[in-house]
Amino acid sequence: MLPAEHVVIEWWDTEDFKGGQWASRDEIEEFGKKPCPIYSSGWIVKRTKDYITLCSDFSPDPHTHGRVMKIPKKMVVSIGSDHRLRSSS
């Protein structure tokens, strides 16, 4: 049995300017204009008032989860169902 509904979460991550290199004010202004969108897909294992815990891999035997991440809800843009997921049976 799968842990929950499979979803795709769009969220905004932090981003480092060119690996921490020095930058001009103009470069910083341009860099600050756009977010860093991330799309993560997996099963929602837990929701709290502050976080969504998502696992991307699941093994029913033994009942274990892999690639688990905790996404702050304040960074979430949208959560959608992954309709492409199909049963292999």
C-alpha atoms as a PDB file:
ATOM      1  CA  MET A   1       0.000   0.000   0.000  1.00  0.00           C
ATOM      2  CA  LEU A   2       1.346   3.432  -0.963  1.00  0.00           C
ATOM      3  CA  PRO A   3       1.774   6.005   1.834  1.00  0.00           C
ATOM      4  CA  ALA A   4      -0.647   8.631   0.436  1.00  0.00           C
ATOM      5  CA  GLU A   5      -1.633  10.544  -2.672  1.00  0.00           C
ATOM      6  CA  HIS A   6       1.188  11.149  -5.148  1.00  0.00           C
ATOM      7  CA  VAL A   7       1.614  14.889  -5.805  1.00  0.00           C
ATOM      8  CA  VAL A   8       3.787  17.457  -7.527  1.00  0.00           C
ATOM      9  CA  ILE A   9       4.707  20.419  -5.317  1.00  0.00           C
ATOM     10  CA  GLU A  10       5.916  23.681  -6.844  1.00  0.00           C
ATOM     11  CA  TRP A  11       7.920  25.655  -4.313  1.00  0.00           C
ATOM     12  CA  TRP A  12      10.477  28.434  -4.195  1.00  0.00           C
ATOM     13  CA  ASP A  13      13.952  27.561  -2.992  1.00  0.00           C
ATOM     14  CA  THR A  14      16.835  29.751  -1.929  1.00  0.00           C
ATOM     15  CA  GLU A  15      19.470  30.435  -4.546  1.00  0.00           C
ATOM     16  CA  ASP A  16      23.101  31.491  -4.247  1.00  0.00           C
ATOM     17  CA  PHE A  17      24.386  34.057  -6.746  1.00  0.00           C
ATOM     18  CA  LYS A  18      27.007  32.347  -8.932  1.00  0.00           C
ATOM     19  CA  GLY A  19      28.288  30.159  -6.127  1.00  0.00           C
ATOM     20  CA  GLY A  20      29.018  33.084  -3.818  1.00  0.00           C
ATOM     21  CA  GLN A  21      31.018  35.188  -6.289  1.00  0.00           C
ATOM     22  CA  TRP A  22      31.291  38.967  -5.921  1.00  0.00           C
ATOM     23  CA  ALA A  23      28.674  40.936  -7.863  1.00  0.00           C
ATOM     24  CA  SER A  24      27.901  44.461  -8.942  1.00  0.00           C
ATOM     25  CA  ARG A  25      24.780  46.232  -7.698  1.00  0.00           C
ATOM     26  CA  ASP A  26      23.219  45.892 -11.197  1.00  0.00           C
ATOM     27  CA  GLU A  27      23.848  42.129 -11.223  1.00  0.00           C
ATOM     28  CA  ILE A  28      22.283  41.805  -7.779  1.00  0.00           C
ATOM     29  CA  GLU A  29      19.240  43.839  -8.843  1.00  0.00           C
ATOM     30  CA  GLU A  30      18.719  41.573 -11.878  1.00  0.00           C
ATOM     31  CA  PHE A  31      19.296  38.407  -9.839  1.00  0.00           C
ATOM     32  CA  GLY A  32      16.685  39.509  -7.287  1.00  0.00           C
ATOM     33  CA  LYS A  33      13.906  39.874  -9.891  1.00  0.00           C
ATOM     34  CA  LYS A  34      13.040  36.198 -10.295  1.00  0.00           C
ATOM     35  CA  PRO A  35      12.328  33.318  -7.917  1.00  0.00           C
ATOM     36  CA  CYS A  36      14.002  29.919  -8.003  1.00  0.00           C
ATOM     37  CA  PRO A  37      11.103  27.527  -8.752  1.00  0.00           C
ATOM     38  CA  ILE A  38      11.501  23.867  -7.839  1.00  0.00           C
ATOM     39  CA  TYR A  39       9.140  20.999  -8.719  1.00  0.00           C
ATOM     40  CA  SER A  40       9.241  18.031  -6.353  1.00  0.00           C
ATOM     41  CA  SER A  41       7.175  14.904  -6.830  1.00  0.00           C
ATOM     42  CA  GLY A  42       6.340  12.199  -4.333  1.00  0.00           C
ATOM     43  CA  TRP A  43       4.002  11.050  -1.599  1.00  0.00           C
ATOM     44  CA  ILE A  44       2.939  13.345   1.222  1.00  0.00           C
ATOM     45  CA  VAL A  45       3.899  11.507   4.400  1.00  0.00           C
ATOM     46  CA  LYS A  46       3.013  14.225   6.901  1.00  0.00           C
ATOM     47  CA  ARG A  47       1.603  17.746   7.064  1.00  0.00           C
ATOM     48  CA  THR A  48       2.064  20.135   9.966  1.00  0.00           C
ATOM     49  CA  LYS A  49       1.081  23.785  10.243  1.00  0.00           C
ATOM     50  CA  ASP A  50       4.582  24.743   9.033  1.00  0.00           C
ATOM     51  CA  TYR A  51       5.862  21.900   6.823  1.00  0.00           C
ATOM     52  CA  ILE A  52       4.962  19.254   4.259  1.00  0.00           C
ATOM     53  CA  THR A  53       7.053  16.080   4.444  1.00  0.00           C
ATOM     54  CA  LEU A  54       7.388  14.402   1.052  1.00  0.00           C
ATOM     55  CA  CYS A  55       9.038  11.107   0.109  1.00  0.00           C
ATOM     56  CA  SER A  56      10.016  10.390  -3.483  1.00  0.00           C
ATOM     57  CA  ASP A  57      10.673   6.656  -3.040  1.00  0.00           C
ATOM     58  CA  PHE A  58       8.684   4.015  -1.181  1.00  0.00           C
ATOM     59  CA  SER A  59       9.306   0.325  -0.566  1.00  0.00           C
ATOM     60  CA  PRO A  60       6.412  -1.756   0.798  1.00  0.00           C
ATOM     61  CA  ASP A  61       8.704  -4.565   1.989  1.00  0.00           C
ATOM     62  CA  PRO A  62      10.055  -3.510   4.380  1.00  0.00           C
ATOM     63  CA  HIS A  63       7.847  -0.442   4.855  1.00  0.00           C
ATOM     64  CA  THR A  64      10.507   2.238   4.216  1.00  0.00           C
ATOM     65  CA  HIS A  65      10.740   5.659   2.583  1.00  0.00           C
ATOM     66  CA  GLY A  66      13.566   7.210   0.553  1.00  0.00           C
ATOM     67  CA  ARG A  67      14.584  10.706  -0.537  1.00  0.00           C
ATOM     68  CA  VAL A  68      12.517  12.330   2.210  1.00  0.00           C
ATOM     69  CA  MET A  69      12.354  16.128   2.324  1.00  0.00           C
ATOM     70  CA  LYS A  70      10.608  18.691   4.489  1.00  0.00           C
ATOM     71  CA  ILE A  71       9.330  21.745   2.577  1.00  0.00           C
ATOM     72  CA  PRO A  72       8.331  24.889   4.509  1.00  0.00           C
ATOM     73  CA  LYS A  73       4.680  25.685   3.682  1.00  0.00           C
ATOM     74  CA  LYS A  74       5.519  29.384   3.290  1.00  0.00           C
ATOM     75  CA  MET A  75       7.652  28.419   0.274  1.00  0.00           C
ATOM     76  CA  VAL A  76       4.924  26.315  -1.437  1.00  0.00           C
ATOM     77  CA  VAL A  77       3.357  27.870  -4.543  1.00  0.00           C
ATOM     78  CA  SER A  78       1.037  24.991  -5.496  1.00  0.00           C
ATOM     79  CA  ILE A  79       0.282  21.313  -4.880  1.00  0.00           C
ATOM     80  CA  GLY A  80      -1.224  19.234  -7.670  1.00  0.00           C
ATOM     81  CA  SER A  81      -2.109  15.615  -8.266  1.00  0.00           C
ATOM     82  CA  ASP A  82       0.242  13.666 -10.496  1.00  0.00           C
ATOM     83  CA  HIS A  83      -2.298  12.183 -12.924  1.00  0.00           C
ATOM     84  CA  ARG A  84       0.472  10.512 -14.944  1.00  0.00           C
ATOM     85  CA  LEU A  85       1.053   7.952 -12.177  1.00  0.00           C
ATOM     86  CA  ARG A  86      -0.513   4.662 -13.327  1.00  0.00           C
ATOM     87  CA  SER A  87      -0.856   1.270 -11.735  1.00  0.00           C
ATOM     88  CA  SER A  88       1.315  -1.401 -13.342  1.00  0.00           C
ATOM     89  CA  SER A  89      -1.366  -4.072 -12.784  1.00  0.00           C
END
